[in-house]
Amino acid sequence: MMDEPGTAIDLLLAIFVLSGLIISGISIPMILMRIKPNPFYGFRTPKTLGDIKIWYKANAYSGRLFFAFGIVFATTAIILRFLPVIGSSVLYYSIACTTVSVAGLIFALVSSFRFLKSL
């Protein structure tokens, strides 16, 4: 598994960084409160869809978390790529980035639901 072709790891690097940047990018309209309640995009729960003020507050909060997650994920993917053991193995690199991704998404979702509960 060690010393696998760099092109596969570099492709994964590009995918992970791009994924993080896309998550950050699509969260900006939520932060700016530009997304009206809808069935497709945003932090959609019965509570947020039932009250426009809660919708905008919850989506702005959730958007900030997901923006930060996207930046942290992209940055972490770059850092992990250059760590000697992790960055030289497609398997280790994939596992490390996936772990960071899942942990970050869970954190953002749990935090968003806690915030929503406080509204």
PDB file of N, CA and C in Angstrom:
ATOM      1  N   MET A   1       0.805  -1.196   0.000  1.00  0.00           N
ATOM      2  CA  MET A   1       0.000   0.000   0.000  1.00  0.00           C
ATOM      3  C   MET A   1       0.853   1.267   0.000  1.00  0.00           C
ATOM      4  N   MET A   2       2.040   1.187   0.469  1.00  0.00           N
ATOM      5  CA  MET A   2       2.897   2.374   0.511  1.00  0.00           C
ATOM      6  C   MET A   2       3.467   2.639  -0.879  1.00  0.00           C
ATOM      7  N   ASP A   3       3.845   3.860  -1.117  1.00  0.00           N
ATOM      8  CA  ASP A   3       4.474   4.275  -2.364  1.00  0.00           C
ATOM      9  C   ASP A   3       3.593   4.009  -3.585  1.00  0.00           C
ATOM     10  N   GLU A   4       2.273   4.155  -3.429  1.00  0.00           N
ATOM     11  CA  GLU A   4       1.386   4.002  -4.565  1.00  0.00           C
ATOM     12  C   GLU A   4       1.547   5.222  -5.459  1.00  0.00           C
ATOM     13  N   PRO A   5       1.147   5.114  -6.696  1.00  0.00           N
ATOM     14  CA  PRO A   5       1.314   6.239  -7.613  1.00  0.00           C
ATOM     15  C   PRO A   5       0.705   7.518  -7.054  1.00  0.00           C
ATOM     16  N   GLY A   6       1.464   8.579  -7.126  1.00  0.00           N
ATOM     17  CA  GLY A   6       1.010   9.866  -6.602  1.00  0.00           C
ATOM     18  C   GLY A   6      -0.206  10.404  -7.316  1.00  0.00           C
ATOM     19  N   THR A   7      -0.409   9.990  -8.547  1.00  0.00           N
ATOM     20  CA  THR A   7      -1.538  10.533  -9.292  1.00  0.00           C
ATOM     21  C   THR A   7      -2.876  10.169  -8.660  1.00  0.00           C
ATOM     22  N   ALA A   8      -3.008   8.957  -8.111  1.00  0.00           N
ATOM     23  CA  ALA A   8      -4.265   8.560  -7.468  1.00  0.00           C
ATOM     24  C   ALA A   8      -4.507   9.388  -6.210  1.00  0.00           C
ATOM     25  N   ILE A   9      -3.474   9.573  -5.426  1.00  0.00           N
ATOM     26  CA  ILE A   9      -3.623  10.371  -4.202  1.00  0.00           C
ATOM     27  C   ILE A   9      -3.879  11.831  -4.560  1.00  0.00           C
ATOM     28  N   ASP A  10      -3.210  12.327  -5.588  1.00  0.00           N
ATOM     29  CA  ASP A  10      -3.429  13.707  -5.989  1.00  0.00           C
ATOM     30  C   ASP A  10      -4.835  13.916  -6.552  1.00  0.00           C
ATOM     31  N   LEU A  11      -5.378  12.912  -7.202  1.00  0.00           N
ATOM     32  CA  LEU A  11      -6.766  12.994  -7.656  1.00  0.00           C
ATOM     33  C   LEU A  11      -7.707  13.049  -6.457  1.00  0.00           C
ATOM     34  N   LEU A  12      -7.453  12.206  -5.466  1.00  0.00           N
ATOM     35  CA  LEU A  12      -8.261  12.252  -4.240  1.00  0.00           C
ATOM     36  C   LEU A  12      -8.125  13.606  -3.547  1.00  0.00           C
ATOM     37  N   LEU A  13      -6.909  14.134  -3.510  1.00  0.00           N
ATOM     38  CA  LEU A  13      -6.686  15.459  -2.923  1.00  0.00           C
ATOM     39  C   LEU A  13      -7.575  16.489  -3.613  1.00  0.00           C
ATOM     40  N   ALA A  14      -7.566  16.475  -4.930  1.00  0.00           N
ATOM     41  CA  ALA A  14      -8.379  17.437  -5.674  1.00  0.00           C
ATOM     42  C   ALA A  14      -9.867  17.247  -5.371  1.00  0.00           C
ATOM     43  N   ILE A  15     -10.317  16.006  -5.305  1.00  0.00           N
ATOM     44  CA  ILE A  15     -11.729  15.721  -5.016  1.00  0.00           C
ATOM     45  C   ILE A  15     -12.107  16.197  -3.618  1.00  0.00           C
ATOM     46  N   PHE A  16     -11.262  15.894  -2.622  1.00  0.00           N
ATOM     47  CA  PHE A  16     -11.569  16.301  -1.249  1.00  0.00           C
ATOM     48  C   PHE A  16     -11.540  17.818  -1.094  1.00  0.00           C
ATOM     49  N   VAL A  17     -10.545  18.473  -1.674  1.00  0.00           N
ATOM     50  CA  VAL A  17     -10.466  19.934  -1.572  1.00  0.00           C
ATOM     51  C   VAL A  17     -11.662  20.569  -2.279  1.00  0.00           C
ATOM     52  N   LEU A  18     -11.970  20.093  -3.472  1.00  0.00           N
ATOM     53  CA  LEU A  18     -13.102  20.631  -4.210  1.00  0.00           C
ATOM     54  C   LEU A  18     -14.413  20.404  -3.448  1.00  0.00           C
ATOM     55  N   SER A  19     -14.559  19.246  -2.834  1.00  0.00           N
ATOM     56  CA  SER A  19     -15.760  18.961  -2.037  1.00  0.00           C
ATOM     57  C   SER A  19     -15.900  19.967  -0.897  1.00  0.00           C
ATOM     58  N   GLY A  20     -14.819  20.212  -0.181  1.00  0.00           N
ATOM     59  CA  GLY A  20     -14.858  21.179   0.911  1.00  0.00           C
ATOM     60  C   GLY A  20     -15.220  22.569   0.431  1.00  0.00           C
ATOM     61  N   LEU A  21     -14.639  22.966  -0.702  1.00  0.00           N
ATOM     62  CA  LEU A  21     -14.919  24.304  -1.232  1.00  0.00           C
ATOM     63  C   LEU A  21     -16.356  24.416  -1.737  1.00  0.00           C
ATOM     64  N   ILE A  22     -16.885  23.346  -2.304  1.00  0.00           N
ATOM     65  CA  ILE A  22     -18.287  23.361  -2.749  1.00  0.00           C
ATOM     66  C   ILE A  22     -19.219  23.486  -1.546  1.00  0.00           C
ATOM     67  N   ILE A  23     -18.948  22.734  -0.496  1.00  0.00           N
ATOM     68  CA  ILE A  23     -19.773  22.835   0.719  1.00  0.00           C
ATOM     69  C   ILE A  23     -19.740  24.257   1.256  1.00  0.00           C
ATOM     70  N   SER A  24     -18.557  24.855   1.311  1.00  0.00           N
ATOM     71  CA  SER A  24     -18.454  26.242   1.770  1.00  0.00           C
ATOM     72  C   SER A  24     -19.214  27.181   0.844  1.00  0.00           C
ATOM     73  N   GLY A  25     -19.070  26.974  -0.453  1.00  0.00           N
ATOM     74  CA  GLY A  25     -19.730  27.853  -1.417  1.00  0.00           C
ATOM     75  C   GLY A  25     -21.242  27.806  -1.349  1.00  0.00           C
ATOM     76  N   ILE A  26     -21.799  26.600  -1.217  1.00  0.00           N
ATOM     77  CA  ILE A  26     -23.268  26.530  -1.185  1.00  0.00           C
ATOM     78  C   ILE A  26     -23.843  26.964   0.157  1.00  0.00           C
ATOM     79  N   SER A  27     -22.988  27.130   1.150  1.00  0.00           N
ATOM     80  CA  SER A  27     -23.484  27.612   2.445  1.00  0.00           C
ATOM     81  C   SER A  27     -23.569  29.145   2.495  1.00  0.00           C
ATOM     82  N   ILE A  28     -22.907  29.831   1.592  1.00  0.00           N
ATOM     83  CA  ILE A  28     -22.899  31.301   1.619  1.00  0.00           C
ATOM     84  C   ILE A  28     -24.302  31.898   1.474  1.00  0.00           C
ATOM     85  N   PRO A  29     -25.132  31.450   0.524  1.00  0.00           N
ATOM     86  CA  PRO A  29     -26.494  32.015   0.466  1.00  0.00           C
ATOM     87  C   PRO A  29     -27.302  31.771   1.746  1.00  0.00           C
ATOM     88  N   MET A  30     -27.016  30.675   2.435  1.00  0.00           N
ATOM     89  CA  MET A  30     -27.698  30.417   3.710  1.00  0.00           C
ATOM     90  C   MET A  30     -27.259  31.436   4.757  1.00  0.00           C
ATOM     91  N   ILE A  31     -25.956  31.689   4.821  1.00  0.00           N
ATOM     92  CA  ILE A  31     -25.412  32.666   5.774  1.00  0.00           C
ATOM     93  C   ILE A  31     -26.002  34.043   5.513  1.00  0.00           C
ATOM     94  N   LEU A  32     -26.115  34.395   4.245  1.00  0.00           N
ATOM     95  CA  LEU A  32     -26.618  35.712   3.860  1.00  0.00           C
ATOM     96  C   LEU A  32     -28.143  35.808   3.883  1.00  0.00           C
ATOM     97  N   MET A  33     -28.796  34.712   4.300  1.00  0.00           N
ATOM     98  CA  MET A  33     -30.252  34.654   4.402  1.00  0.00           C
ATOM     99  C   MET A  33     -30.929  34.946   3.071  1.00  0.00           C
ATOM    100  N   ARG A  34     -30.398  34.371   2.005  1.00  0.00           N
ATOM    101  CA  ARG A  34     -30.947  34.566   0.659  1.00  0.00           C
ATOM    102  C   ARG A  34     -31.833  33.415   0.206  1.00  0.00           C
ATOM    103  N   ILE A  35     -31.890  32.359   0.998  1.00  0.00           N
ATOM    104  CA  ILE A  35     -32.652  31.175   0.598  1.00  0.00           C
ATOM    105  C   ILE A  35     -34.003  31.182   1.304  1.00  0.00           C
ATOM    106  N   LYS A  36     -35.053  31.257   0.534  1.00  0.00           N
ATOM    107  CA  LYS A  36     -36.406  31.202   1.102  1.00  0.00           C
ATOM    108  C   LYS A  36     -36.738  29.756   1.444  1.00  0.00           C
ATOM    109  N   PRO A  37     -37.671  29.539   2.354  1.00  0.00           N
ATOM    110  CA  PRO A  37     -38.083  28.161   2.653  1.00  0.00           C
ATOM    111  C   PRO A  37     -38.473  27.421   1.370  1.00  0.00           C
ATOM    112  N   ASN A  38     -37.953  26.223   1.250  1.00  0.00           N
ATOM    113  CA  ASN A  38     -38.188  25.423   0.052  1.00  0.00           C
ATOM    114  C   ASN A  38     -37.971  23.954   0.400  1.00  0.00           C
ATOM    115  N   PRO A  39     -38.398  23.041  -0.455  1.00  0.00           N
ATOM    116  CA  PRO A  39     -38.259  21.614  -0.126  1.00  0.00           C
ATOM    117  C   PRO A  39     -36.910  20.995  -0.521  1.00  0.00           C
ATOM    118  N   PHE A  40     -35.950  21.785  -1.045  1.00  0.00           N
ATOM    119  CA  PHE A  40     -34.730  21.201  -1.585  1.00  0.00           C
ATOM    120  C   PHE A  40     -33.425  21.668  -0.950  1.00  0.00           C
ATOM    121  N   TYR A  41     -33.341  22.913  -0.514  1.00  0.00           N
ATOM    122  CA  TYR A  41     -32.057  23.506  -0.165  1.00  0.00           C
ATOM    123  C   TYR A  41     -32.170  24.280   1.133  1.00  0.00           C
ATOM    124  N   GLY A  42     -31.338  23.920   2.091  1.00  0.00           N
ATOM    125  CA  GLY A  42     -31.330  24.600   3.375  1.00  0.00           C
ATOM    126  C   GLY A  42     -31.520  23.603   4.505  1.00  0.00           C
ATOM    127  N   PHE A  43     -31.590  24.141   5.709  1.00  0.00           N
ATOM    128  CA  PHE A  43     -31.792  23.330   6.912  1.00  0.00           C
ATOM    129  C   PHE A  43     -33.295  23.157   7.086  1.00  0.00           C
ATOM    130  N   ARG A  44     -33.809  22.086   6.491  1.00  0.00           N
ATOM    131  CA  ARG A  44     -35.248  21.862   6.387  1.00  0.00           C
ATOM    132  C   ARG A  44     -35.735  20.900   7.460  1.00  0.00           C
ATOM    133  N   THR A  45     -36.515  21.418   8.356  1.00  0.00           N
ATOM    134  CA  THR A  45     -37.195  20.612   9.379  1.00  0.00           C
ATOM    135  C   THR A  45     -38.620  21.164   9.466  1.00  0.00           C
ATOM    136  N   PRO A  46     -39.525  20.446  10.087  1.00  0.00           N
ATOM    137  CA  PRO A  46     -40.876  21.011  10.255  1.00  0.00           C
ATOM    138  C   PRO A  46     -40.844  22.364  10.974  1.00  0.00           C
ATOM    139  N   LYS A  47     -39.961  22.504  11.951  1.00  0.00           N
ATOM    140  CA  LYS A  47     -39.894  23.756  12.708  1.00  0.00           C
ATOM    141  C   LYS A  47     -39.386  24.915  11.839  1.00  0.00           C
ATOM    142  N   THR A  48     -38.349  24.676  11.030  1.00  0.00           N
ATOM    143  CA  THR A  48     -37.826  25.764  10.194  1.00  0.00           C
ATOM    144  C   THR A  48     -38.791  26.084   9.054  1.00  0.00           C
ATOM    145  N   LEU A  49     -39.440  25.068   8.502  1.00  0.00           N
ATOM    146  CA  LEU A  49     -40.377  25.311   7.407  1.00  0.00           C
ATOM    147  C   LEU A  49     -41.679  25.950   7.898  1.00  0.00           C
ATOM    148  N   GLY A  50     -41.945  25.839   9.195  1.00  0.00           N
ATOM    149  CA  GLY A  50     -43.176  26.377   9.755  1.00  0.00           C
ATOM    150  C   GLY A  50     -43.104  27.825  10.198  1.00  0.00           C
ATOM    151  N   ASP A  51     -41.907  28.389  10.279  1.00  0.00           N
ATOM    152  CA  ASP A  51     -41.753  29.766  10.769  1.00  0.00           C
ATOM    153  C   ASP A  51     -40.608  30.426  10.017  1.00  0.00           C
ATOM    154  N   ILE A  52     -40.910  31.461   9.269  1.00  0.00           N
ATOM    155  CA  ILE A  52     -39.910  32.127   8.421  1.00  0.00           C
ATOM    156  C   ILE A  52     -38.741  32.696   9.221  1.00  0.00           C
ATOM    157  N   LYS A  53     -39.035  33.238  10.416  1.00  0.00           N
ATOM    158  CA  LYS A  53     -37.944  33.790  11.242  1.00  0.00           C
ATOM    159  C   LYS A  53     -37.003  32.688  11.709  1.00  0.00           C
ATOM    160  N   ILE A  54     -37.567  31.573  12.121  1.00  0.00           N
ATOM    161  CA  ILE A  54     -36.744  30.433  12.540  1.00  0.00           C
ATOM    162  C   ILE A  54     -35.962  29.893  11.350  1.00  0.00           C
ATOM    163  N   TRP A  55     -36.592  29.843  10.173  1.00  0.00           N
ATOM    164  CA  TRP A  55     -35.913  29.378   8.962  1.00  0.00           C
ATOM    165  C   TRP A  55     -34.621  30.165   8.742  1.00  0.00           C
ATOM    166  N   TYR A  56     -34.723  31.481   8.741  1.00  0.00           N
ATOM    167  CA  TYR A  56     -33.549  32.304   8.437  1.00  0.00           C
ATOM    168  C   TYR A  56     -32.484  32.217   9.534  1.00  0.00           C
ATOM    169  N   LYS A  57     -32.903  32.231  10.794  1.00  0.00           N
ATOM    170  CA  LYS A  57     -31.930  32.112  11.889  1.00  0.00           C
ATOM    171  C   LYS A  57     -31.212  30.770  11.858  1.00  0.00           C
ATOM    172  N   ALA A  58     -31.973  29.704  11.719  1.00  0.00           N
ATOM    173  CA  ALA A  58     -31.386  28.354  11.721  1.00  0.00           C
ATOM    174  C   ALA A  58     -30.500  28.134  10.502  1.00  0.00           C
ATOM    175  N   ASN A  59     -30.906  28.627   9.347  1.00  0.00           N
ATOM    176  CA  ASN A  59     -30.106  28.452   8.148  1.00  0.00           C
ATOM    177  C   ASN A  59     -28.834  29.289   8.180  1.00  0.00           C
ATOM    178  N   ALA A  60     -28.906  30.486   8.749  1.00  0.00           N
ATOM    179  CA  ALA A  60     -27.690  31.300   8.869  1.00  0.00           C
ATOM    180  C   ALA A  60     -26.691  30.611   9.800  1.00  0.00           C
ATOM    181  N   TYR A  61     -27.180  30.086  10.914  1.00  0.00           N
ATOM    182  CA  TYR A  61     -26.317  29.392  11.861  1.00  0.00           C
ATOM    183  C   TYR A  61     -25.716  28.140  11.225  1.00  0.00           C
ATOM    184  N   SER A  62     -26.570  27.332  10.635  1.00  0.00           N
ATOM    185  CA  SER A  62     -26.122  26.104   9.982  1.00  0.00           C
ATOM    186  C   SER A  62     -25.162  26.423   8.836  1.00  0.00           C
ATOM    187  N   GLY A  63     -25.459  27.455   8.085  1.00  0.00           N
ATOM    188  CA  GLY A  63     -24.587  27.865   6.988  1.00  0.00           C
ATOM    189  C   GLY A  63     -23.192  28.230   7.467  1.00  0.00           C
ATOM    190  N   ARG A  64     -23.106  28.938   8.578  1.00  0.00           N
ATOM    191  CA  ARG A  64     -21.777  29.290   9.128  1.00  0.00           C
ATOM    192  C   ARG A  64     -21.007  28.038   9.522  1.00  0.00           C
ATOM    193  N   LEU A  65     -21.694  27.081  10.128  1.00  0.00           N
ATOM    194  CA  LEU A  65     -21.029  25.833  10.509  1.00  0.00           C
ATOM    195  C   LEU A  65     -20.534  25.075   9.284  1.00  0.00           C
ATOM    196  N   PHE A  66     -21.371  24.977   8.270  1.00  0.00           N
ATOM    197  CA  PHE A  66     -20.976  24.244   7.072  1.00  0.00           C
ATOM    198  C   PHE A  66     -19.917  24.990   6.270  1.00  0.00           C
ATOM    199  N   PHE A  67     -19.946  26.315   6.294  1.00  0.00           N
ATOM    200  CA  PHE A  67     -18.874  27.085   5.651  1.00  0.00           C
ATOM    201  C   PHE A  67     -17.543  26.762   6.324  1.00  0.00           C
ATOM    202  N   ALA A  68     -17.520  26.832   7.646  1.00  0.00           N
ATOM    203  CA  ALA A  68     -16.296  26.528   8.392  1.00  0.00           C
ATOM    204  C   ALA A  68     -15.864  25.083   8.161  1.00  0.00           C
ATOM    205  N   PHE A  69     -16.824  24.161   8.182  1.00  0.00           N
ATOM    206  CA  PHE A  69     -16.493  22.760   7.930  1.00  0.00           C
ATOM    207  C   PHE A  69     -15.834  22.589   6.572  1.00  0.00           C
ATOM    208  N   GLY A  70     -16.370  23.212   5.544  1.00  0.00           N
ATOM    209  CA  GLY A  70     -15.807  23.080   4.205  1.00  0.00           C
ATOM    210  C   GLY A  70     -14.375  23.571   4.126  1.00  0.00           C
ATOM    211  N   ILE A  71     -14.106  24.707   4.754  1.00  0.00           N
ATOM    212  CA  ILE A  71     -12.739  25.255   4.756  1.00  0.00           C
ATOM    213  C   ILE A  71     -11.809  24.349   5.548  1.00  0.00           C
ATOM    214  N   VAL A  72     -12.248  23.914   6.713  1.00  0.00           N
ATOM    215  CA  VAL A  72     -11.424  23.016   7.543  1.00  0.00           C
ATOM    216  C   VAL A  72     -11.168  21.704   6.809  1.00  0.00           C
ATOM    217  N   PHE A  73     -12.185  21.167   6.162  1.00  0.00           N
ATOM    218  CA  PHE A  73     -12.021  19.905   5.445  1.00  0.00           C
ATOM    219  C   PHE A  73     -11.028  20.046   4.293  1.00  0.00           C
ATOM    220  N   ALA A  74     -11.156  21.108   3.504  1.00  0.00           N
ATOM    221  CA  ALA A  74     -10.230  21.318   2.385  1.00  0.00           C
ATOM    222  C   ALA A  74      -8.802  21.494   2.890  1.00  0.00           C
ATOM    223  N   THR A  75      -8.640  22.270   3.938  1.00  0.00           N
ATOM    224  CA  THR A  75      -7.307  22.499   4.515  1.00  0.00           C
ATOM    225  C   THR A  75      -6.724  21.214   5.083  1.00  0.00           C
ATOM    226  N   THR A  76      -7.546  20.456   5.779  1.00  0.00           N
ATOM    227  CA  THR A  76      -7.087  19.187   6.355  1.00  0.00           C
ATOM    228  C   THR A  76      -6.682  18.210   5.260  1.00  0.00           C
ATOM    229  N   ALA A  77      -7.434  18.171   4.174  1.00  0.00           N
ATOM    230  CA  ALA A  77      -7.091  17.279   3.065  1.00  0.00           C
ATOM    231  C   ALA A  77      -5.708  17.626   2.506  1.00  0.00           C
ATOM    232  N   ILE A  78      -5.408  18.913   2.425  1.00  0.00           N
ATOM    233  CA  ILE A  78      -4.088  19.341   1.933  1.00  0.00           C
ATOM    234  C   ILE A  78      -2.993  18.937   2.923  1.00  0.00           C
ATOM    235  N   ILE A  79      -3.225  19.195   4.191  1.00  0.00           N
ATOM    236  CA  ILE A  79      -2.222  18.867   5.217  1.00  0.00           C
ATOM    237  C   ILE A  79      -1.981  17.363   5.260  1.00  0.00           C
ATOM    238  N   LEU A  80      -3.047  16.568   5.261  1.00  0.00           N
ATOM    239  CA  LEU A  80      -2.892  15.112   5.331  1.00  0.00           C
ATOM    240  C   LEU A  80      -2.134  14.564   4.129  1.00  0.00           C
ATOM    241  N   ARG A  81      -2.289  15.191   2.978  1.00  0.00           N
ATOM    242  CA  ARG A  81      -1.597  14.722   1.770  1.00  0.00           C
ATOM    243  C   ARG A  81      -0.076  14.769   1.939  1.00  0.00           C
ATOM    244  N   PHE A  82       0.399  15.692   2.747  1.00  0.00           N
ATOM    245  CA  PHE A  82       1.841  15.858   2.883  1.00  0.00           C
ATOM    246  C   PHE A  82       2.421  15.251   4.159  1.00  0.00           C
ATOM    247  N   LEU A  83       1.598  14.559   4.931  1.00  0.00           N
ATOM    248  CA  LEU A  83       2.120  13.804   6.071  1.00  0.00           C
ATOM    249  C   LEU A  83       2.752  12.521   5.543  1.00  0.00           C
ATOM    250  N   PRO A  84       3.950  12.183   5.993  1.00  0.00           N
ATOM    251  CA  PRO A  84       4.687  11.061   5.393  1.00  0.00           C
ATOM    252  C   PRO A  84       3.934   9.736   5.311  1.00  0.00           C
ATOM    253  N   VAL A  85       3.356   9.257   6.381  1.00  0.00           N
ATOM    254  CA  VAL A  85       2.708   7.946   6.347  1.00  0.00           C
ATOM    255  C   VAL A  85       1.348   8.019   5.669  1.00  0.00           C
ATOM    256  N   ILE A  86       0.522   8.980   6.060  1.00  0.00           N
ATOM    257  CA  ILE A  86      -0.843   9.073   5.535  1.00  0.00           C
ATOM    258  C   ILE A  86      -0.839   9.489   4.068  1.00  0.00           C
ATOM    259  N   GLY A  87      -0.062  10.489   3.737  1.00  0.00           N
ATOM    260  CA  GLY A  87      -0.063  11.042   2.385  1.00  0.00           C
ATOM    261  C   GLY A  87       0.607  10.185   1.341  1.00  0.00           C
ATOM    262  N   SER A  88       1.227   9.100   1.737  1.00  0.00           N
ATOM    263  CA  SER A  88       1.884   8.228   0.757  1.00  0.00           C
ATOM    264  C   SER A  88       1.071   6.965   0.466  1.00  0.00           C
ATOM    265  N   SER A  89      -0.090   6.842   1.062  1.00  0.00           N
ATOM    266  CA  SER A  89      -0.930   5.661   0.856  1.00  0.00           C
ATOM    267  C   SER A  89      -2.350   6.099   0.502  1.00  0.00           C
ATOM    268  N   VAL A  90      -2.845   5.600  -0.617  1.00  0.00           N
ATOM    269  CA  VAL A  90      -4.213   5.920  -1.020  1.00  0.00           C
ATOM    270  C   VAL A  90      -5.194   5.471   0.056  1.00  0.00           C
ATOM    271  N   LEU A  91      -4.989   4.289   0.596  1.00  0.00           N
ATOM    272  CA  LEU A  91      -5.889   3.753   1.615  1.00  0.00           C
ATOM    273  C   LEU A  91      -5.886   4.621   2.874  1.00  0.00           C
ATOM    274  N   TYR A  92      -4.716   4.898   3.416  1.00  0.00           N
ATOM    275  CA  TYR A  92      -4.627   5.696   4.646  1.00  0.00           C
ATOM    276  C   TYR A  92      -5.163   7.110   4.438  1.00  0.00           C
ATOM    277  N   TYR A  93      -4.835   7.686   3.291  1.00  0.00           N
ATOM    278  CA  TYR A  93      -5.291   9.038   2.994  1.00  0.00           C
ATOM    279  C   TYR A  93      -6.815   9.077   2.872  1.00  0.00           C
ATOM    280  N   SER A  94      -7.378   8.095   2.173  1.00  0.00           N
ATOM    281  CA  SER A  94      -8.837   8.030   2.013  1.00  0.00           C
ATOM    282  C   SER A  94      -9.538   7.872   3.351  1.00  0.00           C
ATOM    283  N   ILE A  95      -9.024   6.978   4.181  1.00  0.00           N
ATOM    284  CA  ILE A  95      -9.620   6.751   5.502  1.00  0.00           C
ATOM    285  C   ILE A  95      -9.528   8.008   6.359  1.00  0.00           C
ATOM    286  N   ALA A  96      -8.374   8.658   6.358  1.00  0.00           N
ATOM    287  CA  ALA A  96      -8.191   9.857   7.177  1.00  0.00           C
ATOM    288  C   ALA A  96      -9.132  10.979   6.730  1.00  0.00           C
ATOM    289  N   CYS A  97      -9.209  11.226   5.432  1.00  0.00           N
ATOM    290  CA  CYS A  97     -10.079  12.298   4.936  1.00  0.00           C
ATOM    291  C   CYS A  97     -11.558  11.972   5.146  1.00  0.00           C
ATOM    292  N   THR A  98     -11.921  10.735   4.942  1.00  0.00           N
ATOM    293  CA  THR A  98     -13.310  10.341   5.171  1.00  0.00           C
ATOM    294  C   THR A  98     -13.686  10.486   6.637  1.00  0.00           C
ATOM    295  N   THR A  99     -12.782  10.126   7.529  1.00  0.00           N
ATOM    296  CA  THR A  99     -13.028  10.268   8.965  1.00  0.00           C
ATOM    297  C   THR A  99     -13.233  11.736   9.337  1.00  0.00           C
ATOM    298  N   VAL A 100     -12.369  12.609   8.819  1.00  0.00           N
ATOM    299  CA  VAL A 100     -12.502  14.044   9.083  1.00  0.00           C
ATOM    300  C   VAL A 100     -13.828  14.548   8.526  1.00  0.00           C
ATOM    301  N   SER A 101     -14.185  14.103   7.341  1.00  0.00           N
ATOM    302  CA  SER A 101     -15.427  14.534   6.706  1.00  0.00           C
ATOM    303  C   SER A 101     -16.650  14.122   7.517  1.00  0.00           C
ATOM    304  N   VAL A 102     -16.713  12.860   7.880  1.00  0.00           N
ATOM    305  CA  VAL A 102     -17.867  12.362   8.634  1.00  0.00           C
ATOM    306  C   VAL A 102     -17.955  13.042  10.000  1.00  0.00           C
ATOM    307  N   ALA A 103     -16.832  13.174  10.687  1.00  0.00           N
ATOM    308  CA  ALA A 103     -16.825  13.822  12.003  1.00  0.00           C
ATOM    309  C   ALA A 103     -17.287  15.275  11.891  1.00  0.00           C
ATOM    310  N   GLY A 104     -16.803  15.981  10.888  1.00  0.00           N
ATOM    311  CA  GLY A 104     -17.197  17.373  10.699  1.00  0.00           C
ATOM    312  C   GLY A 104     -18.670  17.524  10.369  1.00  0.00           C
ATOM    313  N   LEU A 105     -19.172  16.664   9.518  1.00  0.00           N
ATOM    314  CA  LEU A 105     -20.594  16.723   9.166  1.00  0.00           C
ATOM    315  C   LEU A 105     -21.486  16.403  10.365  1.00  0.00           C
ATOM    316  N   ILE A 106     -21.094  15.403  11.133  1.00  0.00           N
ATOM    317  CA  ILE A 106     -21.867  15.063  12.335  1.00  0.00           C
ATOM    318  C   ILE A 106     -21.855  16.227  13.315  1.00  0.00           C
ATOM    319  N   PHE A 107     -20.697  16.822  13.521  1.00  0.00           N
ATOM    320  CA  PHE A 107     -20.602  17.974  14.424  1.00  0.00           C
ATOM    321  C   PHE A 107     -21.513  19.113  13.954  1.00  0.00           C
ATOM    322  N   ALA A 108     -21.457  19.441  12.663  1.00  0.00           N
ATOM    323  CA  ALA A 108     -22.270  20.537  12.140  1.00  0.00           C
ATOM    324  C   ALA A 108     -23.762  20.238  12.269  1.00  0.00           C
ATOM    325  N   LEU A 109     -24.164  19.013  11.982  1.00  0.00           N
ATOM    326  CA  LEU A 109     -25.580  18.653  12.097  1.00  0.00           C
ATOM    327  C   LEU A 109     -26.070  18.671  13.537  1.00  0.00           C
ATOM    328  N   VAL A 110     -25.306  18.069  14.434  1.00  0.00           N
ATOM    329  CA  VAL A 110     -25.707  18.050  15.849  1.00  0.00           C
ATOM    330  C   VAL A 110     -25.774  19.476  16.389  1.00  0.00           C
ATOM    331  N   SER A 111     -24.789  20.286  16.067  1.00  0.00           N
ATOM    332  CA  SER A 111     -24.786  21.686  16.529  1.00  0.00           C
ATOM    333  C   SER A 111     -25.975  22.449  15.958  1.00  0.00           C
ATOM    334  N   SER A 112     -26.302  22.211  14.701  1.00  0.00           N
ATOM    335  CA  SER A 112     -27.440  22.886  14.079  1.00  0.00           C
ATOM    336  C   SER A 112     -28.754  22.501  14.754  1.00  0.00           C
ATOM    337  N   PHE A 113     -28.918  21.216  15.055  1.00  0.00           N
ATOM    338  CA  PHE A 113     -30.144  20.790  15.738  1.00  0.00           C
ATOM    339  C   PHE A 113     -30.208  21.323  17.163  1.00  0.00           C
ATOM    340  N   ARG A 114     -29.087  21.407  17.832  1.00  0.00           N
ATOM    341  CA  ARG A 114     -29.086  22.012  19.186  1.00  0.00           C
ATOM    342  C   ARG A 114     -29.482  23.472  19.122  1.00  0.00           C
ATOM    343  N   PHE A 115     -28.956  24.192  18.144  1.00  0.00           N
ATOM    344  CA  PHE A 115     -29.322  25.594  17.984  1.00  0.00           C
ATOM    345  C   PHE A 115     -30.816  25.723  17.678  1.00  0.00           C
ATOM    346  N   LEU A 116     -31.306  24.879  16.779  1.00  0.00           N
ATOM    347  CA  LEU A 116     -32.720  24.911  16.435  1.00  0.00           C
ATOM    348  C   LEU A 116     -33.600  24.663  17.646  1.00  0.00           C
ATOM    349  N   LYS A 117     -33.175  23.756  18.499  1.00  0.00           N
ATOM    350  CA  LYS A 117     -33.944  23.462  19.714  1.00  0.00           C
ATOM    351  C   LYS A 117     -34.035  24.689  20.622  1.00  0.00           C
ATOM    352  N   SER A 118     -33.014  25.552  20.599  1.00  0.00           N
ATOM    353  CA  SER A 118     -33.008  26.735  21.452  1.00  0.00           C
ATOM    354  C   SER A 118     -33.902  27.858  20.924  1.00  0.00           C
ATOM    355  N   LEU A 119     -34.340  27.737  19.690  1.00  0.00           N
ATOM    356  CA  LEU A 119     -35.174  28.807  19.088  1.00  0.00           C
ATOM    357  C   LEU A 119     -36.638  28.658  19.492  1.00  0.00           C
TER     358      LEU A 119
END
